[in-house]
Every structure is written in structure tokens, then in C-alpha cells.
Amino acid sequence: MFLGVLHGLLALAFLVLVVLACIWLIRQLLAGGPAYRDPAEQDLRRRYAAGEVEREDYLTRMADLREQKPQSSSSQ
């Protein structure tokens, strides 16, 4: 009897793990997956969030990192 209960609990635990893995996989696919993150971009985001970098400077540097033209709110 004890083995039957143990077998049932293990089967339930396995089923829960499979369901959680499926949920995780679906969320990753819908979010675009765990994409590669450039360490320089991560550091810039962290510094911007901490208030160490102003918005214009953040946008300019992020554009430089992504090799795009910076989008400035003021025309020069």
C-alpha cells in the first residue's frame, strides 16, 4: 500500500514538473526567448535606472551601441 501511495505522489510530482516546464517554455517563446543581452547595454540600462545617466545621454549611447542614429527631441 505504501508503494502505491509513493508511486502516486511521484507521478503527481512529475506531472506538476511537466506542466511547469510547459508554462515556462510558452512564456519564453511569447517573450521572444532568452535573447543575448549585450553587457554594455545591460550596464547602461542599470546606470540609467540608478539615475547616473540622463535620458538624452542614455538614448544617444544606446543608439551608438546598436549602431543607429540617435533620435533627439531637439533639432540641431
C-alpha atoms as a PDB file:
ATOM      1  CA  MET A   1       0.000   0.000   0.000  1.00  0.00           C
ATOM      2  CA  PHE A   2       2.798   2.399   0.880  1.00  0.00           C
ATOM      3  CA  LEU A   3       4.443   1.815  -2.502  1.00  0.00           C
ATOM      4  CA  GLY A   4       1.173   2.604  -4.263  1.00  0.00           C
ATOM      5  CA  VAL A   5       0.883   5.933  -2.447  1.00  0.00           C
ATOM      6  CA  LEU A   6       4.537   6.715  -3.121  1.00  0.00           C
ATOM      7  CA  HIS A   7       4.098   5.862  -6.793  1.00  0.00           C
ATOM      8  CA  GLY A   8       1.064   8.142  -6.984  1.00  0.00           C
ATOM      9  CA  LEU A   9       2.917  11.035  -5.345  1.00  0.00           C
ATOM     10  CA  LEU A  10       5.892  10.628  -7.681  1.00  0.00           C
ATOM     11  CA  ALA A  11       3.585  10.555 -10.691  1.00  0.00           C
ATOM     12  CA  LEU A  12       1.854  13.718  -9.449  1.00  0.00           C
ATOM     13  CA  ALA A  13       5.189  15.454  -8.842  1.00  0.00           C
ATOM     14  CA  PHE A  14       6.337  14.510 -12.345  1.00  0.00           C
ATOM     15  CA  LEU A  15       3.111  15.825 -13.838  1.00  0.00           C
ATOM     16  CA  VAL A  16       3.495  19.125 -11.971  1.00  0.00           C
ATOM     17  CA  LEU A  17       7.075  19.472 -13.264  1.00  0.00           C
ATOM     18  CA  VAL A  18       5.955  18.815 -16.835  1.00  0.00           C
ATOM     19  CA  VAL A  19       3.183  21.412 -16.562  1.00  0.00           C
ATOM     20  CA  LEU A  20       5.575  23.986 -15.072  1.00  0.00           C
ATOM     21  CA  ALA A  21       8.126  23.306 -17.808  1.00  0.00           C
ATOM     22  CA  CYS A  22       5.439  23.807 -20.470  1.00  0.00           C
ATOM     23  CA  ILE A  23       4.326  27.076 -18.891  1.00  0.00           C
ATOM     24  CA  TRP A  24       7.923  28.299 -18.721  1.00  0.00           C
ATOM     25  CA  LEU A  25       8.556  27.332 -22.342  1.00  0.00           C
ATOM     26  CA  ILE A  26       5.415  29.083 -23.580  1.00  0.00           C
ATOM     27  CA  ARG A  27       6.280  32.245 -21.657  1.00  0.00           C
ATOM     28  CA  GLN A  28       9.807  32.234 -23.086  1.00  0.00           C
ATOM     29  CA  LEU A  29       8.528  31.806 -26.623  1.00  0.00           C
ATOM     30  CA  LEU A  30       5.939  34.564 -26.245  1.00  0.00           C
ATOM     31  CA  ALA A  31       8.515  36.915 -24.737  1.00  0.00           C
ATOM     32  CA  GLY A  32      10.911  36.357 -27.613  1.00  0.00           C
ATOM     33  CA  GLY A  33      13.016  33.803 -25.773  1.00  0.00           C
ATOM     34  CA  PRO A  34      16.083  34.376 -23.680  1.00  0.00           C
ATOM     35  CA  ALA A  35      17.838  36.616 -26.188  1.00  0.00           C
ATOM     36  CA  TYR A  36      21.505  37.507 -25.934  1.00  0.00           C
ATOM     37  CA  ARG A  37      21.963  40.701 -23.988  1.00  0.00           C
ATOM     38  CA  ASP A  38      24.972  42.884 -24.640  1.00  0.00           C
ATOM     39  CA  PRO A  39      26.792  43.525 -21.334  1.00  0.00           C
ATOM     40  CA  ALA A  40      27.368  47.161 -22.334  1.00  0.00           C
ATOM     41  CA  GLU A  41      23.632  47.659 -22.904  1.00  0.00           C
ATOM     42  CA  GLN A  42      22.838  45.981 -19.591  1.00  0.00           C
ATOM     43  CA  ASP A  43      25.288  48.261 -17.781  1.00  0.00           C
ATOM     44  CA  LEU A  44      23.864  51.337 -19.498  1.00  0.00           C
ATOM     45  CA  ARG A  45      20.312  50.305 -18.534  1.00  0.00           C
ATOM     46  CA  ARG A  46      21.404  49.764 -14.946  1.00  0.00           C
ATOM     47  CA  ARG A  47      23.112  53.169 -14.801  1.00  0.00           C
ATOM     48  CA  TYR A  48      20.050  54.876 -16.321  1.00  0.00           C
ATOM     49  CA  ALA A  49      17.751  53.169 -13.817  1.00  0.00           C
ATOM     50  CA  ALA A  50      20.022  54.263 -10.971  1.00  0.00           C
ATOM     51  CA  GLY A  51      19.883  57.872 -12.187  1.00  0.00           C
ATOM     52  CA  GLU A  52      23.569  58.001 -13.097  1.00  0.00           C
ATOM     53  CA  VAL A  53      22.831  58.817 -16.763  1.00  0.00           C
ATOM     54  CA  GLU A  54      20.426  61.424 -18.140  1.00  0.00           C
ATOM     55  CA  ARG A  55      17.742  60.397 -20.654  1.00  0.00           C
ATOM     56  CA  GLU A  56      19.308  62.097 -23.696  1.00  0.00           C
ATOM     57  CA  ASP A  57      22.702  60.609 -22.867  1.00  0.00           C
ATOM     58  CA  TYR A  58      21.096  57.187 -22.383  1.00  0.00           C
ATOM     59  CA  LEU A  59      19.314  57.355 -25.757  1.00  0.00           C
ATOM     60  CA  THR A  60      22.453  58.547 -27.542  1.00  0.00           C
ATOM     61  CA  ARG A  61      24.664  55.877 -26.016  1.00  0.00           C
ATOM     62  CA  MET A  62      22.108  53.125 -26.600  1.00  0.00           C
ATOM     63  CA  ALA A  63      21.826  54.179 -30.252  1.00  0.00           C
ATOM     64  CA  ASP A  64      25.619  54.123 -30.528  1.00  0.00           C
ATOM     65  CA  LEU A  65      25.714  50.645 -29.062  1.00  0.00           C
ATOM     66  CA  ARG A  66      23.071  49.484 -31.508  1.00  0.00           C
ATOM     67  CA  GLU A  67      24.764  51.368 -34.370  1.00  0.00           C
ATOM     68  CA  GLN A  68      21.748  53.530 -35.123  1.00  0.00           C
ATOM     69  CA  LYS A  69      21.380  57.252 -35.495  1.00  0.00           C
ATOM     70  CA  PRO A  70      20.359  58.810 -32.177  1.00  0.00           C
ATOM     71  CA  GLN A  71      16.821  60.167 -32.083  1.00  0.00           C
ATOM     72  CA  SER A  72      16.986  63.568 -30.482  1.00  0.00           C
ATOM     73  CA  SER A  73      13.931  65.528 -29.376  1.00  0.00           C
ATOM     74  CA  SER A  74      15.631  68.787 -30.360  1.00  0.00           C
ATOM     75  CA  SER A  75      16.733  69.574 -33.905  1.00  0.00           C
ATOM     76  CA  GLN A  76      20.280  70.824 -34.338  1.00  0.00           C
END
